[in-house]
Amino acid sequence: MQILITTCVAASLYSIRSQSLSWIVDYNGQLLRQTTTLGKKYCGLHDSCFLMHVNLAVVVAVVSTALGLTALSASYFAQKR
């Protein structure tokens, strides 16, 4: 069962890797310039900065937990059979 789960996770990660990650920037972020009011508030002394709406560490933790629970439930059902 572990081999099947590892193969599925590896295949999904490989398919995601081949796509560009620019959709994270387009969907989840905003580029701020110092010349704007919001940019002055968040960028400080930098000319520009990138503001994320959702913290990527939280997204990674949630996805990791979901994959772990999926593996745990699959292992549990495989042992019961």
PDB file of N, CA and C in Angstrom:
ATOM      1  N   MET A   1       0.825  -1.190   0.000  1.00  0.00           N
ATOM      2  CA  MET A   1       0.000   0.000   0.000  1.00  0.00           C
ATOM      3  C   MET A   1       0.873   1.260   0.000  1.00  0.00           C
ATOM      4  N   GLN A   2       1.975   1.202   0.741  1.00  0.00           N
ATOM      5  CA  GLN A   2       2.867   2.358   0.819  1.00  0.00           C
ATOM      6  C   GLN A   2       3.455   2.691  -0.551  1.00  0.00           C
ATOM      7  N   ILE A   3       3.739   1.664  -1.337  1.00  0.00           N
ATOM      8  CA  ILE A   3       4.287   1.892  -2.677  1.00  0.00           C
ATOM      9  C   ILE A   3       3.260   2.599  -3.558  1.00  0.00           C
ATOM     10  N   LEU A   4       2.005   2.209  -3.439  1.00  0.00           N
ATOM     11  CA  LEU A   4       0.943   2.847  -4.216  1.00  0.00           C
ATOM     12  C   LEU A   4       0.771   4.314  -3.826  1.00  0.00           C
ATOM     13  N   ILE A   5       0.778   4.591  -2.531  1.00  0.00           N
ATOM     14  CA  ILE A   5       0.632   5.968  -2.059  1.00  0.00           C
ATOM     15  C   ILE A   5       1.819   6.817  -2.509  1.00  0.00           C
ATOM     16  N   THR A   6       3.024   6.279  -2.375  1.00  0.00           N
ATOM     17  CA  THR A   6       4.224   7.009  -2.789  1.00  0.00           C
ATOM     18  C   THR A   6       4.208   7.292  -4.285  1.00  0.00           C
ATOM     19  N   THR A   7       3.767   6.331  -5.071  1.00  0.00           N
ATOM     20  CA  THR A   7       3.682   6.518  -6.517  1.00  0.00           C
ATOM     21  C   THR A   7       2.675   7.601  -6.880  1.00  0.00           C
ATOM     22  N   CYS A   8       1.522   7.592  -6.222  1.00  0.00           N
ATOM     23  CA  CYS A   8       0.499   8.615  -6.503  1.00  0.00           C
ATOM     24  C   CYS A   8       0.979  10.011  -6.116  1.00  0.00           C
ATOM     25  N   VAL A   9       1.613  10.129  -4.960  1.00  0.00           N
ATOM     26  CA  VAL A   9       2.121  11.432  -4.524  1.00  0.00           C
ATOM     27  C   VAL A   9       3.226  11.911  -5.456  1.00  0.00           C
ATOM     28  N   ALA A  10       4.120  11.020  -5.847  1.00  0.00           N
ATOM     29  CA  ALA A  10       5.206  11.401  -6.757  1.00  0.00           C
ATOM     30  C   ALA A  10       4.659  11.831  -8.114  1.00  0.00           C
ATOM     31  N   ALA A  11       3.659  11.131  -8.615  1.00  0.00           N
ATOM     32  CA  ALA A  11       3.068  11.500  -9.908  1.00  0.00           C
ATOM     33  C   ALA A  11       2.373  12.855  -9.837  1.00  0.00           C
ATOM     34  N   SER A  12       1.668  13.112  -8.749  1.00  0.00           N
ATOM     35  CA  SER A  12       0.990  14.409  -8.626  1.00  0.00           C
ATOM     36  C   SER A  12       1.998  15.543  -8.467  1.00  0.00           C
ATOM     37  N   LEU A  13       3.057  15.326  -7.691  1.00  0.00           N
ATOM     38  CA  LEU A  13       4.086  16.354  -7.545  1.00  0.00           C
ATOM     39  C   LEU A  13       4.816  16.605  -8.859  1.00  0.00           C
ATOM     40  N   TYR A  14       5.034  15.562  -9.631  1.00  0.00           N
ATOM     41  CA  TYR A  14       5.693  15.729 -10.922  1.00  0.00           C
ATOM     42  C   TYR A  14       4.818  16.522 -11.887  1.00  0.00           C
ATOM     43  N   SER A  15       3.515  16.267 -11.863  1.00  0.00           N
ATOM     44  CA  SER A  15       2.627  17.010 -12.763  1.00  0.00           C
ATOM     45  C   SER A  15       2.518  18.477 -12.346  1.00  0.00           C
ATOM     46  N   ILE A  16       2.540  18.746 -11.051  1.00  0.00           N
ATOM     47  CA  ILE A  16       2.491  20.128 -10.574  1.00  0.00           C
ATOM     48  C   ILE A  16       3.798  20.847 -10.888  1.00  0.00           C
ATOM     49  N   ARG A  17       4.920  20.135 -10.772  1.00  0.00           N
ATOM     50  CA  ARG A  17       6.227  20.733 -11.007  1.00  0.00           C
ATOM     51  C   ARG A  17       6.379  21.214 -12.439  1.00  0.00           C
ATOM     52  N   SER A  18       5.768  20.521 -13.366  1.00  0.00           N
ATOM     53  CA  SER A  18       5.917  20.897 -14.769  1.00  0.00           C
ATOM     54  C   SER A  18       5.156  22.173 -15.116  1.00  0.00           C
ATOM     55  N   GLN A  19       4.197  22.557 -14.278  1.00  0.00           N
ATOM     56  CA  GLN A  19       3.464  23.803 -14.507  1.00  0.00           C
ATOM     57  C   GLN A  19       4.223  24.961 -13.862  1.00  0.00           C
ATOM     58  N   SER A  20       3.985  26.147 -14.369  1.00  0.00           N
ATOM     59  CA  SER A  20       4.609  27.334 -13.801  1.00  0.00           C
ATOM     60  C   SER A  20       3.933  27.691 -12.487  1.00  0.00           C
ATOM     61  N   LEU A  21       4.689  28.201 -11.548  1.00  0.00           N
ATOM     62  CA  LEU A  21       4.124  28.599 -10.261  1.00  0.00           C
ATOM     63  C   LEU A  21       3.690  30.056 -10.247  1.00  0.00           C
ATOM     64  N   SER A  22       3.599  30.663 -11.412  1.00  0.00           N
ATOM     65  CA  SER A  22       3.171  32.061 -11.457  1.00  0.00           C
ATOM     66  C   SER A  22       1.718  32.230 -11.044  1.00  0.00           C
ATOM     67  N   TRP A  23       0.938  31.152 -11.073  1.00  0.00           N
ATOM     68  CA  TRP A  23      -0.460  31.259 -10.649  1.00  0.00           C
ATOM     69  C   TRP A  23      -0.564  31.588  -9.170  1.00  0.00           C
ATOM     70  N   ILE A  24       0.454  31.234  -8.377  1.00  0.00           N
ATOM     71  CA  ILE A  24       0.446  31.605  -6.959  1.00  0.00           C
ATOM     72  C   ILE A  24       0.516  33.118  -6.834  1.00  0.00           C
ATOM     73  N   VAL A  25       1.369  33.723  -7.640  1.00  0.00           N
ATOM     74  CA  VAL A  25       1.514  35.175  -7.609  1.00  0.00           C
ATOM     75  C   VAL A  25       0.247  35.845  -8.134  1.00  0.00           C
ATOM     76  N   ASP A  26      -0.301  35.326  -9.216  1.00  0.00           N
ATOM     77  CA  ASP A  26      -1.492  35.929  -9.812  1.00  0.00           C
ATOM     78  C   ASP A  26      -2.705  35.814  -8.895  1.00  0.00           C
ATOM     79  N   TYR A  27      -2.851  34.672  -8.250  1.00  0.00           N
ATOM     80  CA  TYR A  27      -4.046  34.412  -7.440  1.00  0.00           C
ATOM     81  C   TYR A  27      -3.919  34.932  -6.014  1.00  0.00           C
ATOM     82  N   ASN A  28      -2.726  34.816  -5.448  1.00  0.00           N
ATOM     83  CA  ASN A  28      -2.564  35.013  -4.011  1.00  0.00           C
ATOM     84  C   ASN A  28      -1.803  36.272  -3.631  1.00  0.00           C
ATOM     85  N   GLY A  29      -1.284  37.000  -4.572  1.00  0.00           N
ATOM     86  CA  GLY A  29      -0.428  38.113  -4.180  1.00  0.00           C
ATOM     87  C   GLY A  29      -0.715  39.405  -4.899  1.00  0.00           C
ATOM     88  N   GLN A  30      -0.028  40.420  -4.432  1.00  0.00           N
ATOM     89  CA  GLN A  30      -0.169  41.755  -5.009  1.00  0.00           C
ATOM     90  C   GLN A  30       1.190  42.437  -4.938  1.00  0.00           C
ATOM     91  N   LEU A  31       1.635  42.966  -6.066  1.00  0.00           N
ATOM     92  CA  LEU A  31       2.892  43.698  -6.119  1.00  0.00           C
ATOM     93  C   LEU A  31       2.623  45.147  -5.744  1.00  0.00           C
ATOM     94  N   LEU A  32       3.318  45.626  -4.735  1.00  0.00           N
ATOM     95  CA  LEU A  32       3.120  46.993  -4.257  1.00  0.00           C
ATOM     96  C   LEU A  32       4.348  47.835  -4.571  1.00  0.00           C
ATOM     97  N   ARG A  33       4.136  49.052  -4.983  1.00  0.00           N
ATOM     98  CA  ARG A  33       5.206  50.015  -5.230  1.00  0.00           C
ATOM     99  C   ARG A  33       5.186  51.070  -4.133  1.00  0.00           C
ATOM    100  N   GLN A  34       6.322  51.635  -3.861  1.00  0.00           N
ATOM    101  CA  GLN A  34       6.442  52.655  -2.810  1.00  0.00           C
ATOM    102  C   GLN A  34       5.636  53.909  -3.136  1.00  0.00           C
ATOM    103  N   THR A  35       5.341  54.126  -4.399  1.00  0.00           N
ATOM    104  CA  THR A  35       4.625  55.342  -4.794  1.00  0.00           C
ATOM    105  C   THR A  35       3.141  55.305  -4.451  1.00  0.00           C
ATOM    106  N   THR A  36       2.605  54.132  -4.105  1.00  0.00           N
ATOM    107  CA  THR A  36       1.191  54.037  -3.739  1.00  0.00           C
ATOM    108  C   THR A  36       1.032  54.138  -2.228  1.00  0.00           C
ATOM    109  N   THR A  37      -0.177  54.420  -1.793  1.00  0.00           N
ATOM    110  CA  THR A  37      -0.450  54.548  -0.356  1.00  0.00           C
ATOM    111  C   THR A  37      -0.258  53.221   0.361  1.00  0.00           C
ATOM    112  N   LEU A  38      -0.785  52.151  -0.225  1.00  0.00           N
ATOM    113  CA  LEU A  38      -0.634  50.832   0.386  1.00  0.00           C
ATOM    114  C   LEU A  38       0.822  50.386   0.372  1.00  0.00           C
ATOM    115  N   GLY A  39       1.548  50.740  -0.691  1.00  0.00           N
ATOM    116  CA  GLY A  39       2.966  50.410  -0.770  1.00  0.00           C
ATOM    117  C   GLY A  39       3.784  51.110   0.292  1.00  0.00           C
ATOM    118  N   LYS A  40       3.458  52.367   0.589  1.00  0.00           N
ATOM    119  CA  LYS A  40       4.166  53.089   1.656  1.00  0.00           C
ATOM    120  C   LYS A  40       3.928  52.432   3.004  1.00  0.00           C
ATOM    121  N   LYS A  41       2.739  51.898   3.182  1.00  0.00           N
ATOM    122  CA  LYS A  41       2.395  51.279   4.461  1.00  0.00           C
ATOM    123  C   LYS A  41       3.158  49.973   4.680  1.00  0.00           C
ATOM    124  N   TYR A  42       3.257  49.131   3.646  1.00  0.00           N
ATOM    125  CA  TYR A  42       3.820  47.796   3.818  1.00  0.00           C
ATOM    126  C   TYR A  42       5.271  47.651   3.378  1.00  0.00           C
ATOM    127  N   CYS A  43       5.741  48.457   2.438  1.00  0.00           N
ATOM    128  CA  CYS A  43       7.083  48.259   1.886  1.00  0.00           C
ATOM    129  C   CYS A  43       8.188  48.878   2.732  1.00  0.00           C
ATOM    130  N   GLY A  44       7.884  49.873   3.520  1.00  0.00           N
ATOM    131  CA  GLY A  44       8.915  50.505   4.330  1.00  0.00           C
ATOM    132  C   GLY A  44       9.911  51.245   3.462  1.00  0.00           C
ATOM    133  N   LEU A  45      11.193  50.915   3.591  1.00  0.00           N
ATOM    134  CA  LEU A  45      12.245  51.608   2.845  1.00  0.00           C
ATOM    135  C   LEU A  45      12.517  50.995   1.476  1.00  0.00           C
ATOM    136  N   HIS A  46      11.869  49.884   1.149  1.00  0.00           N
ATOM    137  CA  HIS A  46      12.094  49.223  -0.138  1.00  0.00           C
ATOM    138  C   HIS A  46      11.287  49.909  -1.238  1.00  0.00           C
ATOM    139  N   ASP A  47      11.767  49.815  -2.470  1.00  0.00           N
ATOM    140  CA  ASP A  47      11.057  50.416  -3.606  1.00  0.00           C
ATOM    141  C   ASP A  47       9.754  49.687  -3.912  1.00  0.00           C
ATOM    142  N   SER A  48       9.781  48.366  -3.785  1.00  0.00           N
ATOM    143  CA  SER A  48       8.588  47.571  -4.041  1.00  0.00           C
ATOM    144  C   SER A  48       8.607  46.349  -3.133  1.00  0.00           C
ATOM    145  N   CYS A  49       7.458  45.775  -2.946  1.00  0.00           N
ATOM    146  CA  CYS A  49       7.358  44.551  -2.152  1.00  0.00           C
ATOM    147  C   CYS A  49       6.168  43.749  -2.652  1.00  0.00           C
ATOM    148  N   PHE A  50       6.093  42.521  -2.204  1.00  0.00           N
ATOM    149  CA  PHE A  50       5.040  41.613  -2.630  1.00  0.00           C
ATOM    150  C   PHE A  50       4.221  41.230  -1.412  1.00  0.00           C
ATOM    151  N   LEU A  51       2.941  41.456  -1.468  1.00  0.00           N
ATOM    152  CA  LEU A  51       2.048  41.179  -0.351  1.00  0.00           C
ATOM    153  C   LEU A  51       1.219  39.946  -0.672  1.00  0.00           C
ATOM    154  N   MET A  52       1.332  38.920   0.173  1.00  0.00           N
ATOM    155  CA  MET A  52       0.560  37.691  -0.005  1.00  0.00           C
ATOM    156  C   MET A  52      -0.724  37.784   0.798  1.00  0.00           C
ATOM    157  N   HIS A  53      -1.823  37.336   0.212  1.00  0.00           N
ATOM    158  CA  HIS A  53      -3.105  37.333   0.912  1.00  0.00           C
ATOM    159  C   HIS A  53      -3.184  36.165   1.889  1.00  0.00           C
ATOM    160  N   VAL A  54      -2.674  35.008   1.494  1.00  0.00           N
ATOM    161  CA  VAL A  54      -2.654  33.814   2.337  1.00  0.00           C
ATOM    162  C   VAL A  54      -1.201  33.399   2.505  1.00  0.00           C
ATOM    163  N   ASN A  55      -0.790  33.120   3.730  1.00  0.00           N
ATOM    164  CA  ASN A  55       0.578  32.716   4.014  1.00  0.00           C
ATOM    165  C   ASN A  55       0.837  31.339   3.401  1.00  0.00           C
ATOM    166  N   LEU A  56       1.886  31.217   2.601  1.00  0.00           N
ATOM    167  CA  LEU A  56       2.175  29.952   1.930  1.00  0.00           C
ATOM    168  C   LEU A  56       2.579  28.855   2.907  1.00  0.00           C
ATOM    169  N   ALA A  57       3.149  29.213   4.047  1.00  0.00           N
ATOM    170  CA  ALA A  57       3.494  28.202   5.052  1.00  0.00           C
ATOM    171  C   ALA A  57       2.231  27.532   5.584  1.00  0.00           C
ATOM    172  N   VAL A  58       1.166  28.288   5.729  1.00  0.00           N
ATOM    173  CA  VAL A  58      -0.107  27.713   6.181  1.00  0.00           C
ATOM    174  C   VAL A  58      -0.669  26.781   5.117  1.00  0.00           C
ATOM    175  N   VAL A  59      -0.571  27.177   3.861  1.00  0.00           N
ATOM    176  CA  VAL A  59      -1.057  26.333   2.769  1.00  0.00           C
ATOM    177  C   VAL A  59      -0.283  25.023   2.722  1.00  0.00           C
ATOM    178  N   VAL A  60       1.030  25.091   2.848  1.00  0.00           N
ATOM    179  CA  VAL A  60       1.856  23.882   2.834  1.00  0.00           C
ATOM    180  C   VAL A  60       1.518  22.986   4.021  1.00  0.00           C
ATOM    181  N   ALA A  61       1.306  23.562   5.196  1.00  0.00           N
ATOM    182  CA  ALA A  61       0.956  22.773   6.374  1.00  0.00           C
ATOM    183  C   ALA A  61      -0.394  22.087   6.206  1.00  0.00           C
ATOM    184  N   VAL A  62      -1.359  22.778   5.632  1.00  0.00           N
ATOM    185  CA  VAL A  62      -2.686  22.183   5.427  1.00  0.00           C
ATOM    186  C   VAL A  62      -2.626  21.053   4.404  1.00  0.00           C
ATOM    187  N   VAL A  63      -1.917  21.277   3.304  1.00  0.00           N
ATOM    188  CA  VAL A  63      -1.792  20.233   2.285  1.00  0.00           C
ATOM    189  C   VAL A  63      -1.037  19.034   2.835  1.00  0.00           C
ATOM    190  N   SER A  64       0.013  19.278   3.593  1.00  0.00           N
ATOM    191  CA  SER A  64       0.780  18.194   4.193  1.00  0.00           C
ATOM    192  C   SER A  64      -0.067  17.389   5.169  1.00  0.00           C
ATOM    193  N   THR A  65      -0.861  18.076   5.975  1.00  0.00           N
ATOM    194  CA  THR A  65      -1.742  17.388   6.911  1.00  0.00           C
ATOM    195  C   THR A  65      -2.791  16.570   6.169  1.00  0.00           C
ATOM    196  N   ALA A  66      -3.341  17.123   5.101  1.00  0.00           N
ATOM    197  CA  ALA A  66      -4.341  16.394   4.320  1.00  0.00           C
ATOM    198  C   ALA A  66      -3.743  15.138   3.690  1.00  0.00           C
ATOM    199  N   LEU A  67      -2.530  15.259   3.148  1.00  0.00           N
ATOM    200  CA  LEU A  67      -1.874  14.080   2.577  1.00  0.00           C
ATOM    201  C   LEU A  67      -1.560  13.043   3.649  1.00  0.00           C
ATOM    202  N   GLY A  68      -1.147  13.492   4.820  1.00  0.00           N
ATOM    203  CA  GLY A  68      -0.874  12.566   5.916  1.00  0.00           C
ATOM    204  C   GLY A  68      -2.124  11.846   6.382  1.00  0.00           C
ATOM    205  N   LEU A  69      -3.230  12.570   6.486  1.00  0.00           N
ATOM    206  CA  LEU A  69      -4.490  11.936   6.886  1.00  0.00           C
ATOM    207  C   LEU A  69      -5.002  10.974   5.821  1.00  0.00           C
ATOM    208  N   THR A  70      -4.779  11.306   4.559  1.00  0.00           N
ATOM    209  CA  THR A  70      -5.153  10.393   3.479  1.00  0.00           C
ATOM    210  C   THR A  70      -4.335   9.111   3.552  1.00  0.00           C
ATOM    211  N   ALA A  71      -3.043   9.245   3.777  1.00  0.00           N
ATOM    212  CA  ALA A  71      -2.186   8.063   3.908  1.00  0.00           C
ATOM    213  C   ALA A  71      -2.555   7.250   5.137  1.00  0.00           C
ATOM    214  N   LEU A  72      -2.870   7.923   6.234  1.00  0.00           N
ATOM    215  CA  LEU A  72      -3.265   7.227   7.456  1.00  0.00           C
ATOM    216  C   LEU A  72      -4.563   6.459   7.261  1.00  0.00           C
ATOM    217  N   SER A  73      -5.548   7.083   6.634  1.00  0.00           N
ATOM    218  CA  SER A  73      -6.824   6.395   6.428  1.00  0.00           C
ATOM    219  C   SER A  73      -6.680   5.250   5.436  1.00  0.00           C
ATOM    220  N   ALA A  74      -5.876   5.425   4.389  1.00  0.00           N
ATOM    221  CA  ALA A  74      -5.655   4.335   3.440  1.00  0.00           C
ATOM    222  C   ALA A  74      -4.941   3.172   4.110  1.00  0.00           C
ATOM    223  N   SER A  75      -3.985   3.467   4.954  1.00  0.00           N
ATOM    224  CA  SER A  75      -3.280   2.414   5.684  1.00  0.00           C
ATOM    225  C   SER A  75      -4.209   1.704   6.662  1.00  0.00           C
ATOM    226  N   TYR A  76      -5.072   2.466   7.314  1.00  0.00           N
ATOM    227  CA  TYR A  76      -6.027   1.884   8.268  1.00  0.00           C
ATOM    228  C   TYR A  76      -6.990   0.937   7.559  1.00  0.00           C
ATOM    229  N   PHE A  77      -7.526   1.372   6.416  1.00  0.00           N
ATOM    230  CA  PHE A  77      -8.463   0.522   5.682  1.00  0.00           C
ATOM    231  C   PHE A  77      -7.770  -0.691   5.084  1.00  0.00           C
ATOM    232  N   ALA A  78      -6.513  -0.560   4.691  1.00  0.00           N
ATOM    233  CA  ALA A  78      -5.772  -1.694   4.145  1.00  0.00           C
ATOM    234  C   ALA A  78      -5.489  -2.732   5.221  1.00  0.00           C
ATOM    235  N   GLN A  79      -5.258  -2.299   6.458  1.00  0.00           N
ATOM    236  CA  GLN A  79      -5.010  -3.240   7.543  1.00  0.00           C
ATOM    237  C   GLN A  79      -6.285  -3.953   7.976  1.00  0.00           C
ATOM    238  N   LYS A  80      -7.418  -3.303   7.850  1.00  0.00           N
ATOM    239  CA  LYS A  80      -8.690  -3.913   8.242  1.00  0.00           C
ATOM    240  C   LYS A  80      -9.151  -4.969   7.259  1.00  0.00           C
ATOM    241  N   ARG A  81      -8.683  -4.895   6.014  1.00  0.00           N
ATOM    242  CA  ARG A  81      -9.098  -5.875   5.009  1.00  0.00           C
ATOM    243  C   ARG A  81      -8.333  -7.124   5.092  1.00  0.00           C
TER     244      ARG A  81
END
